[in-house]
Amino acid sequence: MEEPTSGQGPEAAAGDATEEPLGSAVPQPLGVAVTPTGDAAVDAQLRRLADADHLPASGHLEVYEDVHRGLRDALAALDQRPGPPAPSSTTYDNRS
């Protein structure tokens, strides 16, 4: 069997001019629907995720870290909200 003489081995095919180089494609939105949660802080963070749709993959990490930080802060804020009053710590002695 003869070796190809055109220099078009597997390595040459990888650099074919008809292929687009990696990372040169325009980012395409995923179109993932977001259902509002009813919590304004959480909903704002979920909307922020859509910003990643318009960035190359190298920019996604910054968005994801920002959203993670915002969701963590929203969760921590739940501990800061006043809740119902705690039961009284006064004990009653019925022996008298």
N, C-alpha and C. Protein backbone atom coordinates (compact mmCIF):
# COMPACT_ATOMS: atom_id res chain seq x y z
N MET A 1 0.85 -1.18 0.00
CA MET A 1 0.00 0.00 0.00
C MET A 1 0.89 1.23 0.00
N GLU A 2 0.54 2.24 -0.77
CA GLU A 2 1.36 3.44 -0.90
C GLU A 2 1.01 4.47 0.15
N GLU A 3 2.03 5.20 0.62
CA GLU A 3 1.83 6.31 1.55
C GLU A 3 1.28 7.50 0.77
N PRO A 4 0.40 8.32 1.40
CA PRO A 4 -0.08 9.51 0.70
C PRO A 4 1.10 10.45 0.43
N THR A 5 1.15 11.01 -0.78
CA THR A 5 2.24 11.90 -1.14
C THR A 5 1.81 13.35 -1.15
N SER A 6 0.56 13.62 -0.86
CA SER A 6 0.09 15.00 -0.92
C SER A 6 0.36 15.79 0.35
N GLY A 7 0.87 15.11 1.39
CA GLY A 7 1.09 15.81 2.65
C GLY A 7 -0.20 16.04 3.41
N GLN A 8 -1.24 15.33 3.06
CA GLN A 8 -2.54 15.50 3.71
C GLN A 8 -2.81 14.38 4.70
N GLY A 9 -1.90 14.14 5.61
CA GLY A 9 -2.08 13.14 6.65
C GLY A 9 -3.05 13.67 7.70
N PRO A 10 -3.27 12.93 8.78
CA PRO A 10 -4.20 13.37 9.83
C PRO A 10 -3.83 14.72 10.42
N GLU A 11 -2.53 14.99 10.55
CA GLU A 11 -2.12 16.27 11.12
C GLU A 11 -2.52 17.43 10.22
N ALA A 12 -2.39 17.26 8.92
CA ALA A 12 -2.74 18.32 7.98
C ALA A 12 -4.24 18.57 7.99
N ALA A 13 -5.05 17.52 8.16
CA ALA A 13 -6.51 17.66 8.15
C ALA A 13 -6.98 18.49 9.33
N ALA A 14 -6.28 18.43 10.45
CA ALA A 14 -6.68 19.18 11.63
C ALA A 14 -6.60 20.68 11.40
N GLY A 15 -5.74 21.11 10.53
CA GLY A 15 -5.59 22.54 10.27
C GLY A 15 -6.30 22.97 9.01
N ASP A 16 -7.28 22.21 8.55
CA ASP A 16 -8.02 22.52 7.33
C ASP A 16 -8.63 23.92 7.42
N ALA A 17 -8.51 24.68 6.36
CA ALA A 17 -8.98 26.07 6.34
C ALA A 17 -10.49 26.17 6.46
N THR A 18 -11.23 25.09 6.23
CA THR A 18 -12.69 25.16 6.31
C THR A 18 -13.17 25.05 7.75
N GLU A 19 -12.32 24.63 8.66
CA GLU A 19 -12.70 24.51 10.07
C GLU A 19 -12.46 25.82 10.78
N GLU A 20 -13.35 26.15 11.72
CA GLU A 20 -13.16 27.34 12.53
C GLU A 20 -12.26 27.02 13.69
N PRO A 21 -11.30 27.89 14.01
CA PRO A 21 -10.46 27.64 15.19
C PRO A 21 -11.31 27.64 16.46
N LEU A 22 -10.87 26.88 17.44
CA LEU A 22 -11.60 26.82 18.71
C LEU A 22 -11.65 28.20 19.34
N GLY A 23 -12.79 28.55 19.91
CA GLY A 23 -12.93 29.81 20.61
C GLY A 23 -13.27 30.99 19.72
N SER A 24 -13.35 30.79 18.42
CA SER A 24 -13.65 31.93 17.56
C SER A 24 -15.14 32.07 17.27
N ALA A 25 -15.92 31.08 17.65
CA ALA A 25 -17.36 31.14 17.41
C ALA A 25 -18.00 32.18 18.34
N VAL A 26 -19.01 32.84 17.84
CA VAL A 26 -19.74 33.82 18.64
C VAL A 26 -20.56 33.07 19.68
N PRO A 27 -20.50 33.49 20.96
CA PRO A 27 -21.28 32.80 21.99
C PRO A 27 -22.77 32.81 21.65
N GLN A 28 -23.42 31.70 21.86
CA GLN A 28 -24.84 31.57 21.61
C GLN A 28 -25.58 31.35 22.92
N PRO A 29 -26.63 32.14 23.16
CA PRO A 29 -27.42 31.94 24.40
C PRO A 29 -28.00 30.54 24.47
N LEU A 30 -28.03 29.98 25.66
CA LEU A 30 -28.60 28.65 25.86
C LEU A 30 -30.12 28.68 25.88
N GLY A 31 -30.68 29.83 26.23
CA GLY A 31 -32.13 29.96 26.25
C GLY A 31 -32.78 29.20 27.40
N VAL A 32 -32.09 29.08 28.50
CA VAL A 32 -32.64 28.38 29.66
C VAL A 32 -33.62 29.30 30.37
N ALA A 33 -34.84 28.82 30.55
CA ALA A 33 -35.87 29.62 31.23
C ALA A 33 -35.61 29.63 32.73
N VAL A 34 -35.82 30.78 33.34
CA VAL A 34 -35.65 30.93 34.77
C VAL A 34 -37.00 31.24 35.38
N THR A 35 -37.41 30.43 36.33
CA THR A 35 -38.67 30.64 37.02
C THR A 35 -38.41 31.49 38.25
N PRO A 36 -39.11 32.62 38.38
CA PRO A 36 -38.92 33.48 39.56
C PRO A 36 -39.22 32.71 40.84
N THR A 37 -38.42 33.00 41.86
CA THR A 37 -38.59 32.32 43.14
C THR A 37 -39.47 33.12 44.09
N GLY A 38 -39.62 34.42 43.83
CA GLY A 38 -40.36 35.28 44.73
C GLY A 38 -39.46 36.02 45.70
N ASP A 39 -38.19 35.64 45.76
CA ASP A 39 -37.22 36.34 46.59
C ASP A 39 -36.41 37.24 45.66
N ALA A 40 -36.50 38.54 45.86
CA ALA A 40 -35.87 39.51 44.94
C ALA A 40 -34.37 39.30 44.82
N ALA A 41 -33.69 39.01 45.92
CA ALA A 41 -32.24 38.84 45.88
C ALA A 41 -31.85 37.59 45.08
N VAL A 42 -32.57 36.51 45.27
CA VAL A 42 -32.30 35.27 44.54
C VAL A 42 -32.63 35.45 43.07
N ASP A 43 -33.77 36.06 42.77
CA ASP A 43 -34.17 36.28 41.38
C ASP A 43 -33.15 37.14 40.64
N ALA A 44 -32.59 38.13 41.30
CA ALA A 44 -31.57 38.98 40.67
C ALA A 44 -30.34 38.16 40.32
N GLN A 45 -29.95 37.24 41.19
CA GLN A 45 -28.78 36.40 40.91
C GLN A 45 -29.06 35.44 39.76
N LEU A 46 -30.27 34.89 39.72
CA LEU A 46 -30.62 33.99 38.62
C LEU A 46 -30.60 34.73 37.28
N ARG A 47 -31.08 35.99 37.29
CA ARG A 47 -31.03 36.79 36.05
C ARG A 47 -29.59 37.07 35.65
N ARG A 48 -28.71 37.22 36.64
CA ARG A 48 -27.29 37.49 36.37
C ARG A 48 -26.65 36.34 35.61
N LEU A 49 -27.13 35.12 35.81
CA LEU A 49 -26.58 33.97 35.07
C LEU A 49 -26.70 34.15 33.57
N ALA A 50 -27.72 34.86 33.11
CA ALA A 50 -27.90 35.08 31.68
C ALA A 50 -26.74 35.88 31.08
N ASP A 51 -25.99 36.61 31.90
CA ASP A 51 -24.84 37.36 31.40
C ASP A 51 -23.79 36.42 30.80
N ALA A 52 -23.72 35.20 31.30
CA ALA A 52 -22.74 34.25 30.78
C ALA A 52 -23.06 33.85 29.34
N ASP A 53 -24.31 33.99 28.93
CA ASP A 53 -24.70 33.64 27.56
C ASP A 53 -23.99 34.49 26.52
N HIS A 54 -23.57 35.66 26.90
CA HIS A 54 -23.00 36.59 25.93
C HIS A 54 -21.48 36.69 26.06
N LEU A 55 -20.89 35.79 26.83
CA LEU A 55 -19.45 35.81 27.06
C LEU A 55 -18.82 34.53 26.52
N PRO A 56 -17.56 34.62 26.12
CA PRO A 56 -16.85 33.37 25.80
C PRO A 56 -16.70 32.54 27.08
N ALA A 57 -16.40 31.28 26.93
CA ALA A 57 -16.30 30.39 28.09
C ALA A 57 -15.31 30.91 29.12
N SER A 58 -14.29 31.61 28.68
CA SER A 58 -13.29 32.12 29.62
C SER A 58 -13.89 33.17 30.57
N GLY A 59 -15.02 33.76 30.24
CA GLY A 59 -15.65 34.75 31.10
C GLY A 59 -16.72 34.19 32.00
N HIS A 60 -17.05 32.92 31.84
CA HIS A 60 -18.12 32.31 32.64
C HIS A 60 -17.77 32.23 34.11
N LEU A 61 -16.54 31.90 34.42
CA LEU A 61 -16.15 31.71 35.81
C LEU A 61 -16.44 32.94 36.66
N GLU A 62 -16.13 34.11 36.13
CA GLU A 62 -16.38 35.35 36.89
C GLU A 62 -17.87 35.51 37.20
N VAL A 63 -18.72 35.22 36.21
CA VAL A 63 -20.17 35.33 36.42
C VAL A 63 -20.62 34.31 37.45
N TYR A 64 -20.18 33.06 37.31
CA TYR A 64 -20.61 32.01 38.23
C TYR A 64 -20.16 32.30 39.66
N GLU A 65 -18.93 32.80 39.82
CA GLU A 65 -18.46 33.13 41.17
C GLU A 65 -19.26 34.29 41.76
N ASP A 66 -19.60 35.27 40.92
CA ASP A 66 -20.40 36.40 41.39
C ASP A 66 -21.79 35.93 41.82
N VAL A 67 -22.40 35.07 41.03
CA VAL A 67 -23.73 34.55 41.37
C VAL A 67 -23.66 33.70 42.63
N HIS A 68 -22.64 32.86 42.73
CA HIS A 68 -22.49 32.03 43.93
C HIS A 68 -22.38 32.90 45.18
N ARG A 69 -21.57 33.95 45.09
CA ARG A 69 -21.39 34.87 46.22
C ARG A 69 -22.73 35.53 46.57
N GLY A 70 -23.48 35.96 45.55
CA GLY A 70 -24.77 36.61 45.80
C GLY A 70 -25.78 35.66 46.42
N LEU A 71 -25.81 34.41 45.95
CA LEU A 71 -26.75 33.44 46.53
C LEU A 71 -26.35 33.08 47.96
N ARG A 72 -25.05 32.99 48.21
CA ARG A 72 -24.58 32.72 49.57
C ARG A 72 -24.97 33.86 50.50
N ASP A 73 -24.83 35.10 50.02
CA ASP A 73 -25.22 36.26 50.83
C ASP A 73 -26.73 36.27 51.09
N ALA A 74 -27.51 35.90 50.08
CA ALA A 74 -28.97 35.86 50.25
C ALA A 74 -29.36 34.80 51.28
N LEU A 75 -28.66 33.68 51.25
CA LEU A 75 -28.92 32.62 52.23
C LEU A 75 -28.54 33.07 53.63
N ALA A 76 -27.39 33.72 53.75
CA ALA A 76 -26.95 34.21 55.06
C ALA A 76 -27.92 35.27 55.59
N ALA A 77 -28.50 36.06 54.70
CA ALA A 77 -29.45 37.09 55.13
C ALA A 77 -30.69 36.48 55.77
N LEU A 78 -31.02 35.26 55.41
CA LEU A 78 -32.18 34.60 56.03
C LEU A 78 -31.97 34.44 57.53
N ASP A 79 -30.73 34.25 57.95
CA ASP A 79 -30.43 34.11 59.37
C ASP A 79 -30.52 35.44 60.10
N GLN A 80 -30.46 36.54 59.37
CA GLN A 80 -30.48 37.87 59.98
C GLN A 80 -31.89 38.43 60.12
N ARG A 81 -32.85 37.86 59.42
CA ARG A 81 -34.22 38.36 59.48
C ARG A 81 -34.84 38.03 60.83
N PRO A 82 -35.59 38.98 61.37
CA PRO A 82 -36.26 38.67 62.64
C PRO A 82 -37.36 37.64 62.42
N GLY A 83 -37.41 36.71 63.28
CA GLY A 83 -38.43 35.67 63.21
C GLY A 83 -39.41 35.85 64.35
N PRO A 84 -40.20 34.86 64.61
CA PRO A 84 -41.14 34.96 65.74
C PRO A 84 -40.34 35.03 67.04
N PRO A 85 -40.91 35.65 68.05
CA PRO A 85 -40.18 35.76 69.32
C PRO A 85 -39.89 34.38 69.89
N ALA A 86 -38.74 34.28 70.50
CA ALA A 86 -38.35 33.01 71.12
C ALA A 86 -39.19 32.79 72.36
N PRO A 87 -39.45 31.54 72.70
CA PRO A 87 -40.22 31.26 73.92
C PRO A 87 -39.47 31.80 75.14
N SER A 88 -40.21 32.18 76.11
CA SER A 88 -39.63 32.73 77.33
C SER A 88 -38.78 31.67 78.01
N SER A 89 -37.66 32.10 78.56
CA SER A 89 -36.79 31.16 79.26
C SER A 89 -37.15 31.06 80.74
N THR A 90 -38.19 31.77 81.16
CA THR A 90 -38.62 31.72 82.55
C THR A 90 -39.28 30.38 82.82
N THR A 91 -38.84 29.73 83.86
CA THR A 91 -39.45 28.44 84.24
C THR A 91 -40.36 28.68 85.45
N TYR A 92 -41.38 27.93 85.50
CA TYR A 92 -42.34 28.06 86.58
C TYR A 92 -42.19 26.88 87.51
N ASP A 93 -42.21 27.19 88.81
CA ASP A 93 -42.13 26.15 89.83
C ASP A 93 -43.52 25.96 90.39
N ASN A 94 -44.11 24.82 90.12
CA ASN A 94 -45.47 24.56 90.57
C ASN A 94 -45.52 23.95 91.97
N ARG A 95 -44.40 23.88 92.69
CA ARG A 95 -44.38 23.24 94.01
C ARG A 95 -44.87 24.17 95.11
N SER A 96 -45.11 25.41 94.85
CA SER A 96 -45.46 26.26 95.96
C SER A 96 -46.89 26.20 96.34
